[in-house]
PDB file of N, CA and C in Angstrom:
ATOM      1  N   MET A   1       0.854  -1.180   0.000  1.00  0.00           N
ATOM      2  CA  MET A   1       0.000   0.000   0.000  1.00  0.00           C
ATOM      3  C   MET A   1       0.891   1.232   0.000  1.00  0.00           C
ATOM      4  N   THR A   2       0.486   2.195  -0.783  1.00  0.00           N
ATOM      5  CA  THR A   2       1.266   3.424  -0.855  1.00  0.00           C
ATOM      6  C   THR A   2       0.613   4.496   0.011  1.00  0.00           C
ATOM      7  N   ASN A   3       1.276   5.617   0.125  1.00  0.00           N
ATOM      8  CA  ASN A   3       0.750   6.735   0.899  1.00  0.00           C
ATOM      9  C   ASN A   3      -0.060   7.703   0.033  1.00  0.00           C
ATOM     10  N   GLU A   4      -0.451   7.258  -1.172  1.00  0.00           N
ATOM     11  CA  GLU A   4      -1.222   8.120  -2.054  1.00  0.00           C
ATOM     12  C   GLU A   4      -2.583   8.436  -1.447  1.00  0.00           C
ATOM     13  N   HIS A   5      -3.098   9.560  -1.819  1.00  0.00           N
ATOM     14  CA  HIS A   5      -4.454   9.936  -1.439  1.00  0.00           C
ATOM     15  C   HIS A   5      -5.414   8.913  -2.072  1.00  0.00           C
ATOM     16  N   PRO A   6      -6.460   8.494  -1.364  1.00  0.00           N
ATOM     17  CA  PRO A   6      -7.375   7.484  -1.909  1.00  0.00           C
ATOM     18  C   PRO A   6      -7.983   7.860  -3.260  1.00  0.00           C
ATOM     19  N   LEU A   7      -8.256   9.144  -3.478  1.00  0.00           N
ATOM     20  CA  LEU A   7      -8.824   9.567  -4.754  1.00  0.00           C
ATOM     21  C   LEU A   7      -7.838   9.327  -5.886  1.00  0.00           C
ATOM     22  N   ILE A   8      -6.579   9.628  -5.658  1.00  0.00           N
ATOM     23  CA  ILE A   8      -5.560   9.422  -6.691  1.00  0.00           C
ATOM     24  C   ILE A   8      -5.444   7.940  -7.014  1.00  0.00           C
ATOM     25  N   ALA A   9      -5.445   7.108  -5.985  1.00  0.00           N
ATOM     26  CA  ALA A   9      -5.368   5.663  -6.201  1.00  0.00           C
ATOM     27  C   ALA A   9      -6.588   5.163  -6.979  1.00  0.00           C
ATOM     28  N   ALA A  10      -7.771   5.666  -6.635  1.00  0.00           N
ATOM     29  CA  ALA A  10      -8.993   5.251  -7.327  1.00  0.00           C
ATOM     30  C   ALA A  10      -8.964   5.677  -8.794  1.00  0.00           C
ATOM     31  N   LEU A  11      -8.512   6.887  -9.057  1.00  0.00           N
ATOM     32  CA  LEU A  11      -8.421   7.362 -10.437  1.00  0.00           C
ATOM     33  C   LEU A  11      -7.436   6.529 -11.252  1.00  0.00           C
ATOM     34  N   ALA A  12      -6.344   6.131 -10.631  1.00  0.00           N
ATOM     35  CA  ALA A  12      -5.369   5.282 -11.319  1.00  0.00           C
ATOM     36  C   ALA A  12      -5.983   3.936 -11.671  1.00  0.00           C
ATOM     37  N   GLU A  13      -6.831   3.427 -10.788  1.00  0.00           N
ATOM     38  CA  GLU A  13      -7.461   2.130 -11.038  1.00  0.00           C
ATOM     39  C   GLU A  13      -8.504   2.190 -12.153  1.00  0.00           C
ATOM     40  N   ILE A  14      -9.213   3.306 -12.269  1.00  0.00           N
ATOM     41  CA  ILE A  14     -10.262   3.379 -13.277  1.00  0.00           C
ATOM     42  C   ILE A  14      -9.758   3.882 -14.629  1.00  0.00           C
ATOM     43  N   GLY A  15      -8.499   4.265 -14.694  1.00  0.00           N
ATOM     44  CA  GLY A  15      -7.930   4.753 -15.948  1.00  0.00           C
ATOM     45  C   GLY A  15      -8.175   3.834 -17.127  1.00  0.00           C
ATOM     46  N   PRO A  16      -7.873   2.546 -16.993  1.00  0.00           N
ATOM     47  CA  PRO A  16      -8.121   1.634 -18.123  1.00  0.00           C
ATOM     48  C   PRO A  16      -9.599   1.551 -18.519  1.00  0.00           C
ATOM     49  N   THR A  17     -10.482   1.635 -17.547  1.00  0.00           N
ATOM     50  CA  THR A  17     -11.919   1.611 -17.853  1.00  0.00           C
ATOM     51  C   THR A  17     -12.304   2.856 -18.638  1.00  0.00           C
ATOM     52  N   LEU A  18     -11.789   3.999 -18.228  1.00  0.00           N
ATOM     53  CA  LEU A  18     -12.089   5.233 -18.946  1.00  0.00           C
ATOM     54  C   LEU A  18     -11.522   5.193 -20.365  1.00  0.00           C
ATOM     55  N   ASP A  19     -10.331   4.621 -20.521  1.00  0.00           N
ATOM     56  CA  ASP A  19      -9.749   4.470 -21.861  1.00  0.00           C
ATOM     57  C   ASP A  19     -10.650   3.615 -22.745  1.00  0.00           C
ATOM     58  N   THR A  20     -11.188   2.530 -22.187  1.00  0.00           N
ATOM     59  CA  THR A  20     -12.084   1.653 -22.935  1.00  0.00           C
ATOM     60  C   THR A  20     -13.355   2.388 -23.338  1.00  0.00           C
ATOM     61  N   ILE A  21     -13.898   3.181 -22.424  1.00  0.00           N
ATOM     62  CA  ILE A  21     -15.104   3.955 -22.736  1.00  0.00           C
ATOM     63  C   ILE A  21     -14.814   4.953 -23.861  1.00  0.00           C
ATOM     64  N   LEU A  22     -13.690   5.630 -23.791  1.00  0.00           N
ATOM     65  CA  LEU A  22     -13.346   6.599 -24.840  1.00  0.00           C
ATOM     66  C   LEU A  22     -13.133   5.914 -26.186  1.00  0.00           C
ATOM     67  N   ASP A  23     -12.479   4.763 -26.174  1.00  0.00           N
ATOM     68  CA  ASP A  23     -12.281   4.008 -27.420  1.00  0.00           C
ATOM     69  C   ASP A  23     -13.618   3.560 -28.012  1.00  0.00           C
ATOM     70  N   ALA A  24     -14.508   3.068 -27.154  1.00  0.00           N
ATOM     71  CA  ALA A  24     -15.826   2.629 -27.624  1.00  0.00           C
ATOM     72  C   ALA A  24     -16.615   3.799 -28.198  1.00  0.00           C
ATOM     73  N   THR A  25     -16.543   4.937 -27.542  1.00  0.00           N
ATOM     74  CA  THR A  25     -17.265   6.118 -28.008  1.00  0.00           C
ATOM     75  C   THR A  25     -16.727   6.593 -29.349  1.00  0.00           C
ATOM     76  N   SER A  26     -15.414   6.608 -29.489  1.00  0.00           N
ATOM     77  CA  SER A  26     -14.810   7.020 -30.759  1.00  0.00           C
ATOM     78  C   SER A  26     -15.196   6.070 -31.884  1.00  0.00           C
ATOM     79  N   GLY A  27     -15.190   4.782 -31.578  1.00  0.00           N
ATOM     80  CA  GLY A  27     -15.582   3.788 -32.570  1.00  0.00           C
ATOM     81  C   GLY A  27     -17.037   3.922 -32.975  1.00  0.00           C
ATOM     82  N   TYR A  28     -17.897   4.211 -31.999  1.00  0.00           N
ATOM     83  CA  TYR A  28     -19.314   4.393 -32.276  1.00  0.00           C
ATOM     84  C   TYR A  28     -19.534   5.611 -33.170  1.00  0.00           C
ATOM     85  N   ARG A  29     -18.833   6.686 -32.868  1.00  0.00           N
ATOM     86  CA  ARG A  29     -18.957   7.903 -33.688  1.00  0.00           C
ATOM     87  C   ARG A  29     -18.527   7.616 -35.128  1.00  0.00           C
ATOM     88  N   ALA A  30     -17.400   6.930 -35.278  1.00  0.00           N
ATOM     89  CA  ALA A  30     -16.910   6.597 -36.619  1.00  0.00           C
ATOM     90  C   ALA A  30     -17.903   5.699 -37.358  1.00  0.00           C
ATOM     91  N   LYS A  31     -18.484   4.745 -36.659  1.00  0.00           N
ATOM     92  CA  LYS A  31     -19.464   3.843 -37.265  1.00  0.00           C
ATOM     93  C   LYS A  31     -20.699   4.627 -37.704  1.00  0.00           C
ATOM     94  N   CYS A  32     -21.138   5.577 -36.896  1.00  0.00           N
ATOM     95  CA  CYS A  32     -22.295   6.403 -37.265  1.00  0.00           C
ATOM     96  C   CYS A  32     -22.020   7.181 -38.542  1.00  0.00           C
ATOM     97  N   ILE A  33     -20.842   7.757 -38.642  1.00  0.00           N
ATOM     98  CA  ILE A  33     -20.471   8.505 -39.850  1.00  0.00           C
ATOM     99  C   ILE A  33     -20.400   7.564 -41.045  1.00  0.00           C
ATOM    100  N   GLN A  34     -19.844   6.385 -40.832  1.00  0.00           N
ATOM    101  CA  GLN A  34     -19.752   5.380 -41.899  1.00  0.00           C
ATOM    102  C   GLN A  34     -21.151   4.983 -42.384  1.00  0.00           C
ATOM    103  N   GLN A  35     -22.119   5.024 -41.496  1.00  0.00           N
ATOM    104  CA  GLN A  35     -23.498   4.669 -41.850  1.00  0.00           C
ATOM    105  C   GLN A  35     -24.290   5.876 -42.372  1.00  0.00           C
ATOM    106  N   ASP A  36     -23.569   6.915 -42.760  1.00  0.00           N
ATOM    107  CA  ASP A  36     -24.131   8.104 -43.408  1.00  0.00           C
ATOM    108  C   ASP A  36     -24.901   9.048 -42.499  1.00  0.00           C
ATOM    109  N   PHE A  37     -24.659   8.995 -41.192  1.00  0.00           N
ATOM    110  CA  PHE A  37     -25.183  10.042 -40.326  1.00  0.00           C
ATOM    111  C   PHE A  37     -24.295  11.268 -40.503  1.00  0.00           C
ATOM    112  N   SER A  38     -24.863  12.428 -40.355  1.00  0.00           N
ATOM    113  CA  SER A  38     -24.062  13.638 -40.472  1.00  0.00           C
ATOM    114  C   SER A  38     -23.062  13.684 -39.317  1.00  0.00           C
ATOM    115  N   PRO A  39     -21.949  14.407 -39.479  1.00  0.00           N
ATOM    116  CA  PRO A  39     -20.995  14.532 -38.378  1.00  0.00           C
ATOM    117  C   PRO A  39     -21.632  15.099 -37.107  1.00  0.00           C
ATOM    118  N   THR A  40     -22.562  16.029 -37.266  1.00  0.00           N
ATOM    119  CA  THR A  40     -23.231  16.601 -36.098  1.00  0.00           C
ATOM    120  C   THR A  40     -24.082  15.548 -35.392  1.00  0.00           C
ATOM    121  N   ALA A  41     -24.830  14.783 -36.154  1.00  0.00           N
ATOM    122  CA  ALA A  41     -25.655  13.727 -35.561  1.00  0.00           C
ATOM    123  C   ALA A  41     -24.779  12.660 -34.915  1.00  0.00           C
ATOM    124  N   ALA A  42     -23.708  12.285 -35.593  1.00  0.00           N
ATOM    125  CA  ALA A  42     -22.803  11.269 -35.052  1.00  0.00           C
ATOM    126  C   ALA A  42     -22.178  11.741 -33.744  1.00  0.00           C
ATOM    127  N   GLU A  43     -21.821  13.005 -33.692  1.00  0.00           N
ATOM    128  CA  GLU A  43     -21.236  13.575 -32.471  1.00  0.00           C
ATOM    129  C   GLU A  43     -22.244  13.537 -31.324  1.00  0.00           C
ATOM    130  N   SER A  44     -23.464  13.913 -31.618  1.00  0.00           N
ATOM    131  CA  SER A  44     -24.509  13.909 -30.600  1.00  0.00           C
ATOM    132  C   SER A  44     -24.792  12.487 -30.107  1.00  0.00           C
ATOM    133  N   MET A  45     -24.889  11.547 -31.035  1.00  0.00           N
ATOM    134  CA  MET A  45     -25.142  10.157 -30.666  1.00  0.00           C
ATOM    135  C   MET A  45     -23.994   9.603 -29.826  1.00  0.00           C
ATOM    136  N   ALA A  46     -22.780   9.925 -30.206  1.00  0.00           N
ATOM    137  CA  ALA A  46     -21.618   9.453 -29.456  1.00  0.00           C
ATOM    138  C   ALA A  46     -21.572  10.061 -28.064  1.00  0.00           C
ATOM    139  N   MET A  47     -21.975  11.322 -27.945  1.00  0.00           N
ATOM    140  CA  MET A  47     -22.016  11.973 -26.637  1.00  0.00           C
ATOM    141  C   MET A  47     -22.998  11.263 -25.712  1.00  0.00           C
ATOM    142  N   HIS A  48     -24.171  10.935 -26.240  1.00  0.00           N
ATOM    143  CA  HIS A  48     -25.168  10.233 -25.436  1.00  0.00           C
ATOM    144  C   HIS A  48     -24.704   8.819 -25.086  1.00  0.00           C
ATOM    145  N   TYR A  49     -24.063   8.166 -26.028  1.00  0.00           N
ATOM    146  CA  TYR A  49     -23.506   6.827 -25.799  1.00  0.00           C
ATOM    147  C   TYR A  49     -22.456   6.884 -24.685  1.00  0.00           C
ATOM    148  N   HIS A  50     -21.583   7.865 -24.743  1.00  0.00           N
ATOM    149  CA  HIS A  50     -20.546   8.040 -23.732  1.00  0.00           C
ATOM    150  C   HIS A  50     -21.169   8.255 -22.349  1.00  0.00           C
ATOM    151  N   ALA A  51     -22.146   9.127 -22.282  1.00  0.00           N
ATOM    152  CA  ALA A  51     -22.804   9.409 -21.003  1.00  0.00           C
ATOM    153  C   ALA A  51     -23.452   8.148 -20.429  1.00  0.00           C
ATOM    154  N   GLU A  52     -24.076   7.362 -21.274  1.00  0.00           N
ATOM    155  CA  GLU A  52     -24.725   6.144 -20.808  1.00  0.00           C
ATOM    156  C   GLU A  52     -23.701   5.106 -20.338  1.00  0.00           C
ATOM    157  N   LEU A  53     -22.595   4.978 -21.051  1.00  0.00           N
ATOM    158  CA  LEU A  53     -21.546   4.047 -20.616  1.00  0.00           C
ATOM    159  C   LEU A  53     -20.984   4.459 -19.258  1.00  0.00           C
ATOM    160  N   VAL A  54     -20.720   5.736 -19.093  1.00  0.00           N
ATOM    161  CA  VAL A  54     -20.204   6.225 -17.809  1.00  0.00           C
ATOM    162  C   VAL A  54     -21.222   5.964 -16.708  1.00  0.00           C
ATOM    163  N   ARG A  55     -22.493   6.234 -16.985  1.00  0.00           N
ATOM    164  CA  ARG A  55     -23.540   5.990 -15.996  1.00  0.00           C
ATOM    165  C   ARG A  55     -23.590   4.515 -15.606  1.00  0.00           C
ATOM    166  N   MET A  56     -23.531   3.624 -16.582  1.00  0.00           N
ATOM    167  CA  MET A  56     -23.594   2.186 -16.290  1.00  0.00           C
ATOM    168  C   MET A  56     -22.399   1.721 -15.480  1.00  0.00           C
ATOM    169  N   VAL A  57     -21.215   2.179 -15.851  1.00  0.00           N
ATOM    170  CA  VAL A  57     -20.002   1.733 -15.174  1.00  0.00           C
ATOM    171  C   VAL A  57     -19.949   2.238 -13.732  1.00  0.00           C
ATOM    172  N   PHE A  58     -20.360   3.472 -13.524  1.00  0.00           N
ATOM    173  CA  PHE A  58     -20.199   4.072 -12.204  1.00  0.00           C
ATOM    174  C   PHE A  58     -21.481   4.146 -11.386  1.00  0.00           C
ATOM    175  N   SER A  59     -22.555   3.543 -11.831  1.00  0.00           N
ATOM    176  CA  SER A  59     -23.830   3.644 -11.121  1.00  0.00           C
ATOM    177  C   SER A  59     -23.810   2.971  -9.743  1.00  0.00           C
ATOM    178  N   GLY A  60     -22.951   2.011  -9.553  1.00  0.00           N
ATOM    179  CA  GLY A  60     -22.921   1.313  -8.258  1.00  0.00           C
ATOM    180  C   GLY A  60     -22.010   1.930  -7.220  1.00  0.00           C
ATOM    181  N   ILE A  61     -21.271   2.947  -7.585  1.00  0.00           N
ATOM    182  CA  ILE A  61     -20.318   3.551  -6.649  1.00  0.00           C
ATOM    183  C   ILE A  61     -21.067   4.243  -5.518  1.00  0.00           C
ATOM    184  N   GLY A  62     -20.653   3.955  -4.297  1.00  0.00           N
ATOM    185  CA  GLY A  62     -21.219   4.588  -3.126  1.00  0.00           C
ATOM    186  C   GLY A  62     -22.511   3.985  -2.622  1.00  0.00           C
ATOM    187  N   LYS A  63     -22.911   2.867  -3.200  1.00  0.00           N
ATOM    188  CA  LYS A  63     -24.159   2.244  -2.783  1.00  0.00           C
ATOM    189  C   LYS A  63     -23.959   1.153  -1.731  1.00  0.00           C
ATOM    190  N   ASN A  64     -22.749   0.940  -1.307  1.00  0.00           N
ATOM    191  CA  ASN A  64     -22.474  -0.110  -0.303  1.00  0.00           C
ATOM    192  C   ASN A  64     -22.671   0.408   1.089  1.00  0.00           C
TER     193      ASN A  64
END
């Protein structure tokens, strides 16, 4: 165990999860554009997708 602040340690642990969420969101945006959605629509859809992924991943925090 290190002397790091608990928040710093927690952020270090969730880094890979956040990277995965960002990669998924970027891929979703690219797929939307590939499927002929406008860049604006694809951006909006990806934003909502990102928000939902973050909500799902972190919805259980603090419920114990």
